[in-house]
Structures are given as C-alpha cells and as structure tokens.
Amino acid sequence: MAKNLAMKRLTKDYNKLKNDPIEHCWVLPFEDNFLSWHFMFELQDYPFEKCQVLCVIMFPSQYPMKAPDIKVLTPTGRFEVNRTICMTNTGYHSDSWSPLWSISNIIIGFISSFNETQHGIGHLTDNDISRKLYSGQSSEYNMECYPKIVTDLFSRGISKSVKEDGTSNTSETTTECDVKRRKLASGDSTR
C-alpha cells in the first residue's frame, strides 16, 4: 500500500517536472526502479562556475511520508562523493521532513545548499581554489566515470535551459557546457 502511494506521488511529481523543469538541471528516474532517480545540475556562481554535479536521489517506499536520501557522485569540495548527505529534507532529519516537499523542491533546496556554510554528515569544507578546480574537471569526470548516466540524462532527461536572449527552452539544451557535453557524449573529442 505504501509503495503504491509512493509511485502515485512520484508519477505526479514527474509529470509536474515535465511541465515545469528546473533550470540548468536534468532529471531522470532509473529505468528499472522508479524509487531512484539521477539528477544533474550545473552551478553558475563562484567558486562553482560551470560545475556539473551528478547526484542520485533514493525515495523510500513510504515516500512522501518519509524523506528521501541524496548522494553526490561528482567531486565538488562541498559534499563527500557517494555518501548519503545530511540535510533537513533528507532521511537524516525525519522530524523536519514535510510530505509537501516535491521532487522539484528537494532538488532546488539541495542545489541552494552549495552556497551555504552548514556542516553535517557528508559535508566538506574545501577551500575555493579546490572547489574551482573540481568545477573545471566536473564535466569530464562525469563523462569518464558515468558515461551512460550522463548520456541518458542529456538524451531522455527532463531539462530546461536558458538561452542567451533570456528565453527558456525545455526540449533542447543551449549553454556552452551543454554543447561540450553533447560532443563528449557523441564521442567527438574536439571542443
């Protein structure tokens, strides 16, 4: 019964995401498990300029009554790689979790945490020089370590990008990094 509620809610959130995608973010449920999703986003602010962060969000079968967990797969200097992150909207803090949080809210909240200085389980405090270095290597790291996931996110994931003229596009990506990633995904090594 609980899993049915989770699937119903995740389907609703997925459809909502399709209608209102998150800017500079790609989201895709696992093919074989709708309770686990990959999402990848591109940060824009110092020291994370053009940092491409790949993550996995794991929903419990009791979602939305219980909080999901998030793991970061890309080194950033902000969070440990492949470790469940302690935040108010994850399973570490069931007392502050609200079933009203949608997938969009969870992801947007997580993205905003990159600019915070809070610490907890899975948090890192690398200096800005290290974070900038990680940012510059993030796209290549993701393509090298997770080529299928990245390719699937770019080809089938829900995304929204902002063009230089300020308009948005939900069907194709348009940023400079997106073009580079498409070339990497297609095997074109020229950049």
N, C-alpha and C. Protein backbone atom coordinates (compact mmCIF):
# COMPACT_ATOMS: atom_id res chain seq x y z
N MET A 1 0.82 -1.20 0.00
CA MET A 1 0.00 0.00 0.00
C MET A 1 0.87 1.27 0.00
N ALA A 2 1.90 1.29 0.89
CA ALA A 2 2.76 2.46 0.97
C ALA A 2 3.51 2.69 -0.35
N LYS A 3 3.97 1.59 -0.97
CA LYS A 3 4.71 1.72 -2.23
C LYS A 3 3.80 2.28 -3.32
N ASN A 4 2.51 1.89 -3.30
CA ASN A 4 1.56 2.43 -4.28
C ASN A 4 1.42 3.94 -4.12
N LEU A 5 1.38 4.41 -2.86
CA LEU A 5 1.30 5.84 -2.60
C LEU A 5 2.56 6.54 -3.12
N ALA A 6 3.71 5.93 -2.87
CA ALA A 6 4.97 6.50 -3.35
C ALA A 6 4.98 6.59 -4.87
N MET A 7 4.58 5.53 -5.54
CA MET A 7 4.58 5.53 -7.00
C MET A 7 3.61 6.58 -7.56
N LYS A 8 2.47 6.70 -6.92
CA LYS A 8 1.48 7.69 -7.36
C LYS A 8 2.05 9.10 -7.20
N ARG A 9 2.65 9.36 -6.06
CA ARG A 9 3.21 10.69 -5.80
C ARG A 9 4.40 10.98 -6.72
N LEU A 10 5.28 10.00 -6.91
CA LEU A 10 6.43 10.20 -7.80
C LEU A 10 5.99 10.44 -9.24
N THR A 11 4.96 9.74 -9.67
CA THR A 11 4.43 9.95 -11.02
C THR A 11 3.88 11.37 -11.15
N LYS A 12 3.18 11.82 -10.12
CA LYS A 12 2.64 13.19 -10.12
C LYS A 12 3.78 14.20 -10.17
N ASP A 13 4.80 14.00 -9.34
CA ASP A 13 5.95 14.91 -9.33
C ASP A 13 6.70 14.89 -10.66
N TYR A 14 6.82 13.71 -11.25
CA TYR A 14 7.49 13.57 -12.54
C TYR A 14 6.75 14.37 -13.61
N ASN A 15 5.44 14.24 -13.64
CA ASN A 15 4.64 14.98 -14.63
C ASN A 15 4.72 16.48 -14.39
N LYS A 16 4.76 16.87 -13.13
CA LYS A 16 4.90 18.29 -12.80
C LYS A 16 6.26 18.81 -13.28
N LEU A 17 7.29 18.01 -13.09
CA LEU A 17 8.64 18.38 -13.56
C LEU A 17 8.68 18.52 -15.08
N LYS A 18 7.96 17.65 -15.78
CA LYS A 18 7.92 17.74 -17.25
C LYS A 18 7.30 19.05 -17.70
N ASN A 19 6.30 19.53 -16.95
CA ASN A 19 5.63 20.78 -17.30
C ASN A 19 6.39 22.01 -16.82
N ASP A 20 7.18 21.86 -15.77
CA ASP A 20 7.91 22.99 -15.19
C ASP A 20 9.30 22.54 -14.75
N PRO A 21 10.21 22.30 -15.72
CA PRO A 21 11.55 21.81 -15.39
C PRO A 21 12.38 22.83 -14.60
N ILE A 22 13.40 22.35 -13.96
CA ILE A 22 14.32 23.19 -13.20
C ILE A 22 15.44 23.65 -14.14
N GLU A 23 15.74 24.95 -14.11
CA GLU A 23 16.79 25.48 -14.98
C GLU A 23 18.14 24.85 -14.70
N HIS A 24 18.89 24.58 -15.75
CA HIS A 24 20.25 24.03 -15.67
C HIS A 24 20.28 22.71 -14.90
N CYS A 25 19.23 21.92 -15.05
CA CYS A 25 19.12 20.66 -14.31
C CYS A 25 18.48 19.61 -15.20
N TRP A 26 18.99 18.38 -15.12
CA TRP A 26 18.46 17.25 -15.86
C TRP A 26 18.03 16.20 -14.85
N VAL A 27 16.85 15.63 -15.03
CA VAL A 27 16.29 14.68 -14.06
C VAL A 27 15.75 13.47 -14.81
N LEU A 28 16.05 12.27 -14.28
CA LEU A 28 15.58 11.04 -14.93
C LEU A 28 15.50 9.91 -13.91
N PRO A 29 14.32 9.27 -13.80
CA PRO A 29 14.22 8.09 -12.93
C PRO A 29 15.04 6.93 -13.50
N PHE A 30 15.50 6.05 -12.62
CA PHE A 30 16.17 4.84 -13.08
C PHE A 30 15.20 4.06 -13.96
N GLU A 31 15.72 3.38 -14.96
CA GLU A 31 14.87 2.58 -15.86
C GLU A 31 14.21 1.43 -15.12
N ASP A 32 14.91 0.83 -14.18
CA ASP A 32 14.41 -0.37 -13.51
C ASP A 32 13.90 -0.13 -12.09
N ASN A 33 13.90 1.13 -11.62
CA ASN A 33 13.47 1.41 -10.25
C ASN A 33 13.02 2.86 -10.14
N PHE A 34 11.71 3.07 -10.15
CA PHE A 34 11.16 4.42 -10.12
C PHE A 34 11.39 5.10 -8.77
N LEU A 35 11.87 4.37 -7.76
CA LEU A 35 12.15 4.95 -6.45
C LEU A 35 13.55 5.58 -6.39
N SER A 36 14.33 5.43 -7.44
CA SER A 36 15.66 6.04 -7.50
C SER A 36 15.77 6.87 -8.78
N TRP A 37 16.30 8.07 -8.63
CA TRP A 37 16.41 9.00 -9.75
C TRP A 37 17.81 9.59 -9.80
N HIS A 38 18.31 9.82 -11.00
CA HIS A 38 19.53 10.60 -11.18
C HIS A 38 19.10 12.03 -11.47
N PHE A 39 19.87 12.96 -10.97
CA PHE A 39 19.70 14.34 -11.41
C PHE A 39 21.08 14.96 -11.50
N MET A 40 21.21 15.86 -12.43
CA MET A 40 22.47 16.55 -12.66
C MET A 40 22.16 18.01 -12.89
N PHE A 41 22.96 18.86 -12.31
CA PHE A 41 22.73 20.29 -12.47
C PHE A 41 24.06 20.98 -12.69
N GLU A 42 23.95 22.18 -13.23
CA GLU A 42 25.14 22.98 -13.49
C GLU A 42 25.06 24.24 -12.65
N LEU A 43 26.06 24.42 -11.79
CA LEU A 43 26.12 25.60 -10.94
C LEU A 43 26.69 26.77 -11.73
N GLN A 44 26.30 27.99 -11.34
CA GLN A 44 26.69 29.17 -12.09
C GLN A 44 27.55 30.15 -11.30
N ASP A 45 27.58 30.01 -9.96
CA ASP A 45 28.23 31.02 -9.12
C ASP A 45 29.59 30.56 -8.59
N TYR A 46 30.46 31.53 -8.34
CA TYR A 46 31.79 31.30 -7.78
C TYR A 46 31.65 30.59 -6.44
N PRO A 47 32.47 29.63 -6.13
CA PRO A 47 33.59 29.09 -6.89
C PRO A 47 33.20 27.89 -7.76
N PHE A 48 31.89 27.71 -7.95
CA PHE A 48 31.40 26.53 -8.66
C PHE A 48 30.97 26.82 -10.10
N GLU A 49 31.53 27.86 -10.72
CA GLU A 49 31.11 28.18 -12.09
C GLU A 49 31.25 26.98 -13.00
N LYS A 50 30.17 26.69 -13.69
CA LYS A 50 30.11 25.59 -14.67
C LYS A 50 30.43 24.22 -14.07
N CYS A 51 30.20 24.10 -12.77
CA CYS A 51 30.38 22.80 -12.11
C CYS A 51 29.15 21.94 -12.41
N GLN A 52 29.38 20.81 -12.99
CA GLN A 52 28.32 19.87 -13.34
C GLN A 52 28.28 18.80 -12.24
N VAL A 53 27.19 18.77 -11.49
CA VAL A 53 27.09 17.89 -10.33
C VAL A 53 26.07 16.79 -10.61
N LEU A 54 26.53 15.55 -10.57
CA LEU A 54 25.67 14.38 -10.78
C LEU A 54 25.32 13.80 -9.41
N CYS A 55 24.04 13.53 -9.21
CA CYS A 55 23.56 13.02 -7.92
C CYS A 55 22.55 11.90 -8.14
N VAL A 56 22.28 11.19 -7.06
CA VAL A 56 21.21 10.20 -7.07
C VAL A 56 20.32 10.50 -5.86
N ILE A 57 19.03 10.43 -6.09
CA ILE A 57 18.07 10.60 -5.01
C ILE A 57 17.31 9.29 -4.87
N MET A 58 17.25 8.80 -3.65
CA MET A 58 16.62 7.50 -3.37
C MET A 58 15.41 7.71 -2.48
N PHE A 59 14.24 7.40 -3.02
CA PHE A 59 13.00 7.57 -2.28
C PHE A 59 12.64 6.28 -1.56
N PRO A 60 12.24 6.37 -0.29
CA PRO A 60 11.80 5.16 0.40
C PRO A 60 10.43 4.73 -0.11
N SER A 61 10.07 3.50 0.09
CA SER A 61 8.75 3.04 -0.37
C SER A 61 7.63 3.76 0.38
N GLN A 62 7.95 4.43 1.49
CA GLN A 62 6.95 5.19 2.26
C GLN A 62 6.89 6.66 1.84
N TYR A 63 7.59 7.05 0.78
CA TYR A 63 7.52 8.42 0.28
C TYR A 63 6.09 8.72 -0.15
N PRO A 64 5.52 9.86 0.14
CA PRO A 64 6.11 11.08 0.68
C PRO A 64 6.05 11.18 2.21
N MET A 65 5.62 10.14 2.88
CA MET A 65 5.54 10.20 4.34
C MET A 65 6.93 10.16 4.98
N LYS A 66 7.90 9.60 4.28
CA LYS A 66 9.29 9.58 4.75
C LYS A 66 10.18 10.25 3.72
N ALA A 67 11.23 10.87 4.20
CA ALA A 67 12.14 11.66 3.35
C ALA A 67 13.06 10.77 2.51
N PRO A 68 13.47 11.29 1.36
CA PRO A 68 14.45 10.57 0.53
C PRO A 68 15.87 10.80 1.04
N ASP A 69 16.81 10.12 0.43
CA ASP A 69 18.24 10.34 0.68
C ASP A 69 18.88 10.79 -0.63
N ILE A 70 19.94 11.58 -0.50
CA ILE A 70 20.66 12.10 -1.66
C ILE A 70 22.14 11.75 -1.52
N LYS A 71 22.73 11.31 -2.64
CA LYS A 71 24.17 11.10 -2.71
C LYS A 71 24.71 11.90 -3.89
N VAL A 72 25.87 12.49 -3.71
CA VAL A 72 26.56 13.22 -4.77
C VAL A 72 27.58 12.26 -5.39
N LEU A 73 27.61 12.20 -6.71
CA LEU A 73 28.53 11.30 -7.41
C LEU A 73 29.75 12.02 -7.99
N THR A 74 29.71 13.34 -8.02
CA THR A 74 30.78 14.16 -8.61
C THR A 74 31.57 14.87 -7.51
N PRO A 75 32.89 14.78 -7.51
CA PRO A 75 33.67 15.55 -6.53
C PRO A 75 33.47 17.05 -6.75
N THR A 76 33.18 17.77 -5.65
CA THR A 76 32.94 19.21 -5.73
C THR A 76 33.69 20.00 -4.66
N GLY A 77 34.11 19.33 -3.60
CA GLY A 77 34.69 20.03 -2.47
C GLY A 77 33.63 20.51 -1.49
N ARG A 78 32.36 20.30 -1.81
CA ARG A 78 31.26 20.71 -0.92
C ARG A 78 30.64 19.51 -0.21
N PHE A 79 30.55 18.37 -0.91
CA PHE A 79 29.98 17.16 -0.31
C PHE A 79 30.86 15.96 -0.63
N GLU A 80 30.86 14.99 0.27
CA GLU A 80 31.59 13.75 0.03
C GLU A 80 30.94 12.99 -1.12
N VAL A 81 31.76 12.30 -1.87
CA VAL A 81 31.26 11.52 -3.00
C VAL A 81 30.70 10.19 -2.51
N ASN A 82 29.54 9.85 -3.04
CA ASN A 82 28.88 8.56 -2.80
C ASN A 82 28.56 8.30 -1.33
N ARG A 83 28.22 9.36 -0.62
CA ARG A 83 27.82 9.24 0.77
C ARG A 83 26.48 9.96 0.95
N THR A 84 25.60 9.36 1.71
CA THR A 84 24.31 10.00 1.97
C THR A 84 24.55 11.33 2.69
N ILE A 85 23.90 12.37 2.20
CA ILE A 85 24.10 13.72 2.71
C ILE A 85 23.06 14.04 3.78
N CYS A 86 23.52 14.61 4.88
CA CYS A 86 22.65 15.03 5.97
C CYS A 86 22.14 16.44 5.69
N MET A 87 20.83 16.56 5.48
CA MET A 87 20.18 17.86 5.29
C MET A 87 18.79 17.77 5.91
N THR A 88 18.15 18.92 6.08
CA THR A 88 16.84 18.92 6.72
C THR A 88 15.76 18.24 5.89
N ASN A 89 15.99 18.09 4.58
CA ASN A 89 14.98 17.45 3.73
C ASN A 89 15.40 16.05 3.30
N THR A 90 16.25 15.39 4.10
CA THR A 90 16.64 14.01 3.81
C THR A 90 16.30 13.11 4.99
N GLY A 91 16.53 11.83 4.82
CA GLY A 91 16.20 10.85 5.84
C GLY A 91 16.88 11.05 7.17
N TYR A 92 17.95 11.84 7.22
CA TYR A 92 18.63 12.10 8.49
C TYR A 92 17.77 12.92 9.45
N HIS A 93 16.83 13.69 8.91
CA HIS A 93 16.03 14.59 9.75
C HIS A 93 14.54 14.37 9.51
N SER A 94 14.06 13.23 9.92
CA SER A 94 12.64 12.92 9.73
C SER A 94 11.75 13.90 10.49
N ASP A 95 12.27 14.50 11.56
CA ASP A 95 11.49 15.45 12.35
C ASP A 95 11.21 16.75 11.59
N SER A 96 12.05 17.10 10.63
CA SER A 96 11.83 18.34 9.88
C SER A 96 11.31 18.08 8.46
N TRP A 97 11.12 16.83 8.10
CA TRP A 97 10.61 16.47 6.78
C TRP A 97 9.12 16.80 6.67
N SER A 98 8.71 17.27 5.51
CA SER A 98 7.30 17.52 5.23
C SER A 98 6.91 16.80 3.94
N PRO A 99 5.80 16.05 3.97
CA PRO A 99 5.33 15.38 2.75
C PRO A 99 4.97 16.37 1.63
N LEU A 100 4.90 17.64 1.95
CA LEU A 100 4.59 18.64 0.94
C LEU A 100 5.76 18.91 0.00
N TRP A 101 6.97 18.50 0.40
CA TRP A 101 8.13 18.69 -0.46
C TRP A 101 7.96 17.84 -1.72
N SER A 102 8.07 18.48 -2.87
CA SER A 102 8.03 17.75 -4.14
C SER A 102 9.46 17.45 -4.58
N ILE A 103 9.61 16.67 -5.62
CA ILE A 103 10.94 16.40 -6.15
C ILE A 103 11.62 17.71 -6.55
N SER A 104 10.88 18.60 -7.18
CA SER A 104 11.44 19.91 -7.55
C SER A 104 11.95 20.65 -6.33
N ASN A 105 11.13 20.71 -5.27
CA ASN A 105 11.55 21.40 -4.04
C ASN A 105 12.80 20.79 -3.44
N ILE A 106 12.86 19.47 -3.43
CA ILE A 106 14.01 18.76 -2.87
C ILE A 106 15.27 19.11 -3.65
N ILE A 107 15.19 19.03 -4.97
CA ILE A 107 16.36 19.31 -5.81
C ILE A 107 16.78 20.77 -5.71
N ILE A 108 15.83 21.69 -5.79
CA ILE A 108 16.15 23.11 -5.69
C ILE A 108 16.77 23.42 -4.32
N GLY A 109 16.22 22.83 -3.27
CA GLY A 109 16.80 23.01 -1.93
C GLY A 109 18.22 22.49 -1.85
N PHE A 110 18.45 21.34 -2.47
CA PHE A 110 19.79 20.77 -2.47
C PHE A 110 20.76 21.66 -3.24
N ILE A 111 20.36 22.12 -4.40
CA ILE A 111 21.22 23.00 -5.21
C ILE A 111 21.59 24.25 -4.41
N SER A 112 20.62 24.83 -3.71
CA SER A 112 20.89 26.05 -2.95
C SER A 112 21.87 25.81 -1.80
N SER A 113 22.00 24.57 -1.35
CA SER A 113 22.91 24.27 -0.24
C SER A 113 24.37 24.44 -0.62
N PHE A 114 24.67 24.51 -1.90
CA PHE A 114 26.06 24.71 -2.31
C PHE A 114 26.59 26.07 -1.89
N ASN A 115 25.71 27.03 -1.69
CA ASN A 115 26.13 28.37 -1.29
C ASN A 115 26.09 28.56 0.22
N GLU A 116 25.70 27.54 0.96
CA GLU A 116 25.62 27.64 2.42
C GLU A 116 26.91 27.16 3.06
N THR A 117 27.06 27.47 4.33
CA THR A 117 28.25 27.04 5.06
C THR A 117 27.91 26.01 6.14
N GLN A 118 26.68 25.50 6.12
CA GLN A 118 26.29 24.49 7.11
C GLN A 118 27.14 23.24 6.94
N HIS A 119 27.32 22.55 8.05
CA HIS A 119 28.09 21.31 8.03
C HIS A 119 27.25 20.19 8.60
N GLY A 120 27.55 19.00 8.19
CA GLY A 120 26.85 17.82 8.68
C GLY A 120 27.48 16.60 8.06
N ILE A 121 26.83 15.48 8.22
CA ILE A 121 27.34 14.23 7.67
C ILE A 121 27.39 14.34 6.14
N GLY A 122 28.55 14.07 5.59
CA GLY A 122 28.73 14.13 4.14
C GLY A 122 29.13 15.48 3.61
N HIS A 123 29.22 16.50 4.48
CA HIS A 123 29.60 17.84 4.06
C HIS A 123 31.12 17.99 4.09
N LEU A 124 31.66 18.79 3.17
CA LEU A 124 33.08 19.09 3.13
C LEU A 124 33.30 20.60 3.21
N THR A 125 34.50 20.99 3.60
CA THR A 125 34.81 22.41 3.72
C THR A 125 36.07 22.77 2.92
N ASP A 126 36.21 22.20 1.74
CA ASP A 126 37.37 22.52 0.90
C ASP A 126 37.40 24.02 0.60
N ASN A 127 38.58 24.55 0.34
CA ASN A 127 38.69 25.97 0.03
C ASN A 127 38.22 26.25 -1.40
N ASP A 128 38.06 27.53 -1.70
CA ASP A 128 37.54 27.93 -3.01
C ASP A 128 38.44 27.51 -4.16
N ILE A 129 39.74 27.48 -3.94
CA ILE A 129 40.66 27.07 -5.00
C ILE A 129 40.40 25.61 -5.39
N SER A 130 40.24 24.75 -4.39
CA SER A 130 39.93 23.34 -4.66
C SER A 130 38.58 23.19 -5.34
N ARG A 131 37.59 23.94 -4.87
CA ARG A 131 36.25 23.85 -5.45
C ARG A 131 36.25 24.30 -6.90
N LYS A 132 37.01 25.34 -7.20
CA LYS A 132 37.12 25.82 -8.58
C LYS A 132 37.79 24.77 -9.46
N LEU A 133 38.80 24.11 -8.92
CA LEU A 133 39.49 23.04 -9.65
C LEU A 133 38.53 21.88 -9.94
N TYR A 134 37.79 21.44 -8.92
CA TYR A 134 36.79 20.38 -9.13
C TYR A 134 35.77 20.80 -10.19
N SER A 135 35.33 22.06 -10.11
CA SER A 135 34.33 22.55 -11.06
C SER A 135 34.82 22.43 -12.49
N GLY A 136 36.07 22.80 -12.71
CA GLY A 136 36.64 22.75 -14.06
C GLY A 136 36.77 21.34 -14.60
N GLN A 137 36.84 20.36 -13.72
CA GLN A 137 37.01 18.96 -14.14
C GLN A 137 35.71 18.16 -14.10
N SER A 138 34.64 18.76 -13.62
CA SER A 138 33.41 18.00 -13.35
C SER A 138 32.78 17.37 -14.58
N SER A 139 32.71 18.10 -15.67
CA SER A 139 32.08 17.56 -16.88
C SER A 139 32.82 16.33 -17.39
N GLU A 140 34.13 16.45 -17.49
CA GLU A 140 34.94 15.32 -17.96
C GLU A 140 34.88 14.15 -16.98
N TYR A 141 34.90 14.45 -15.69
CA TYR A 141 34.81 13.41 -14.66
C TYR A 141 33.52 12.61 -14.84
N ASN A 142 32.41 13.32 -14.98
CA ASN A 142 31.12 12.64 -15.12
C ASN A 142 31.06 11.79 -16.38
N MET A 143 31.58 12.31 -17.48
CA MET A 143 31.56 11.55 -18.73
C MET A 143 32.48 10.34 -18.66
N GLU A 144 33.58 10.48 -17.93
CA GLU A 144 34.53 9.38 -17.81
C GLU A 144 34.00 8.29 -16.86
N CYS A 145 33.43 8.71 -15.75
CA CYS A 145 33.00 7.74 -14.72
C CYS A 145 31.56 7.26 -14.89
N TYR A 146 30.71 8.08 -15.49
CA TYR A 146 29.28 7.75 -15.61
C TYR A 146 28.76 8.04 -17.02
N PRO A 147 29.41 7.54 -18.06
CA PRO A 147 29.01 7.92 -19.42
C PRO A 147 27.56 7.57 -19.77
N LYS A 148 27.09 6.40 -19.36
CA LYS A 148 25.72 6.01 -19.70
C LYS A 148 24.70 6.89 -18.99
N ILE A 149 24.94 7.16 -17.72
CA ILE A 149 24.02 8.00 -16.95
C ILE A 149 23.95 9.39 -17.56
N VAL A 150 25.10 9.99 -17.84
CA VAL A 150 25.14 11.34 -18.40
C VAL A 150 24.48 11.37 -19.77
N THR A 151 24.79 10.41 -20.61
CA THR A 151 24.18 10.34 -21.94
C THR A 151 22.66 10.19 -21.83
N ASP A 152 22.20 9.33 -20.94
CA ASP A 152 20.75 9.16 -20.74
C ASP A 152 20.11 10.45 -20.24
N LEU A 153 20.75 11.13 -19.31
CA LEU A 153 20.19 12.39 -18.80
C LEU A 153 20.06 13.42 -19.92
N PHE A 154 21.09 13.54 -20.77
CA PHE A 154 21.04 14.52 -21.85
C PHE A 154 20.05 14.14 -22.94
N SER A 155 19.91 12.84 -23.19
CA SER A 155 19.05 12.43 -24.29
C SER A 155 17.59 12.23 -23.87
N ARG A 156 17.36 11.79 -22.62
CA ARG A 156 15.99 11.47 -22.21
C ARG A 156 15.51 12.21 -20.97
N GLY A 157 16.41 12.88 -20.27
CA GLY A 157 16.04 13.53 -19.02
C GLY A 157 15.22 14.79 -19.22
N ILE A 158 14.48 15.15 -18.20
CA ILE A 158 13.73 16.40 -18.21
C ILE A 158 14.72 17.52 -17.94
N SER A 159 14.70 18.56 -18.77
CA SER A 159 15.63 19.65 -18.57
C SER A 159 15.04 20.97 -19.05
N LYS A 160 15.66 22.03 -18.59
CA LYS A 160 15.29 23.38 -19.03
C LYS A 160 16.56 24.19 -19.05
N SER A 161 16.82 24.87 -20.12
CA SER A 161 17.99 25.73 -20.19
C SER A 161 17.54 27.13 -20.56
N VAL A 162 18.39 28.09 -20.28
CA VAL A 162 18.09 29.48 -20.59
C VAL A 162 19.02 29.93 -21.69
N LYS A 163 18.42 30.44 -22.76
CA LYS A 163 19.21 30.92 -23.90
C LYS A 163 19.83 32.27 -23.57
N GLU A 164 20.78 32.69 -24.38
CA GLU A 164 21.43 33.97 -24.16
C GLU A 164 20.45 35.13 -24.21
N ASP A 165 19.35 35.01 -24.97
CA ASP A 165 18.38 36.09 -25.05
C ASP A 165 17.40 36.09 -23.88
N GLY A 166 17.60 35.18 -22.92
CA GLY A 166 16.77 35.14 -21.72
C GLY A 166 15.56 34.24 -21.82
N THR A 167 15.27 33.72 -23.00
CA THR A 167 14.13 32.81 -23.14
C THR A 167 14.55 31.41 -22.71
N SER A 168 13.57 30.60 -22.36
CA SER A 168 13.90 29.25 -21.92
C SER A 168 13.45 28.24 -22.95
N ASN A 169 14.05 27.07 -22.86
CA ASN A 169 13.79 26.00 -23.80
C ASN A 169 13.76 24.70 -23.02
N THR A 170 12.69 23.94 -23.16
CA THR A 170 12.61 22.69 -22.41
C THR A 170 12.88 21.47 -23.28
N SER A 171 13.12 21.64 -24.56
CA SER A 171 13.32 20.47 -25.40
C SER A 171 14.78 20.25 -25.80
N GLU A 172 15.58 21.30 -25.82
CA GLU A 172 16.98 21.10 -26.14
C GLU A 172 17.83 22.05 -25.30
N THR A 173 19.05 21.67 -25.05
CA THR A 173 19.93 22.48 -24.23
C THR A 173 20.72 23.43 -25.08
N THR A 174 21.10 24.58 -24.50
CA THR A 174 21.72 25.61 -25.32
C THR A 174 22.95 26.26 -24.71
N THR A 175 23.35 25.91 -23.52
CA THR A 175 24.51 26.57 -22.93
C THR A 175 25.79 26.03 -23.55
N GLU A 176 26.87 26.76 -23.39
CA GLU A 176 28.18 26.36 -23.93
C GLU A 176 28.59 25.00 -23.38
N CYS A 177 28.37 24.79 -22.09
CA CYS A 177 28.73 23.49 -21.49
C CYS A 177 27.87 22.37 -22.06
N ASP A 178 26.61 22.68 -22.36
CA ASP A 178 25.74 21.66 -22.95
C ASP A 178 26.29 21.20 -24.29
N VAL A 179 26.76 22.14 -25.10
CA VAL A 179 27.32 21.79 -26.41
C VAL A 179 28.54 20.91 -26.22
N LYS A 180 29.41 21.26 -25.27
CA LYS A 180 30.60 20.45 -25.00
C LYS A 180 30.20 19.05 -24.55
N ARG A 181 29.21 18.96 -23.68
CA ARG A 181 28.78 17.65 -23.18
C ARG A 181 28.18 16.81 -24.30
N ARG A 182 27.42 17.45 -25.19
CA ARG A 182 26.87 16.70 -26.32
C ARG A 182 27.99 16.11 -27.17
N LYS A 183 29.04 16.91 -27.40
CA LYS A 183 30.17 16.42 -28.18
C LYS A 183 30.85 15.26 -27.47
N LEU A 184 31.04 15.40 -26.16
CA LEU A 184 31.64 14.31 -25.39
C LEU A 184 30.78 13.05 -25.46
N ALA A 185 29.47 13.25 -25.31
CA ALA A 185 28.56 12.10 -25.32
C ALA A 185 28.53 11.40 -26.67
N SER A 186 28.76 12.17 -27.75
CA SER A 186 28.73 11.57 -29.08
C SER A 186 30.09 11.00 -29.49
N GLY A 187 31.09 11.20 -28.63
CA GLY A 187 32.42 10.69 -28.95
C GLY A 187 33.29 11.68 -29.70
N ASP A 188 32.78 12.88 -29.94
CA ASP A 188 33.55 13.92 -30.63
C ASP A 188 34.50 14.55 -29.62
N SER A 189 35.78 14.36 -29.78
CA SER A 189 36.75 14.86 -28.81
C SER A 189 37.15 16.31 -29.05
N THR A 190 36.73 16.90 -30.17
CA THR A 190 37.06 18.30 -30.43
C THR A 190 36.10 19.17 -29.65
N ARG A 191 36.64 20.23 -29.07
CA ARG A 191 35.77 21.10 -28.26
C ARG A 191 35.89 22.52 -28.69
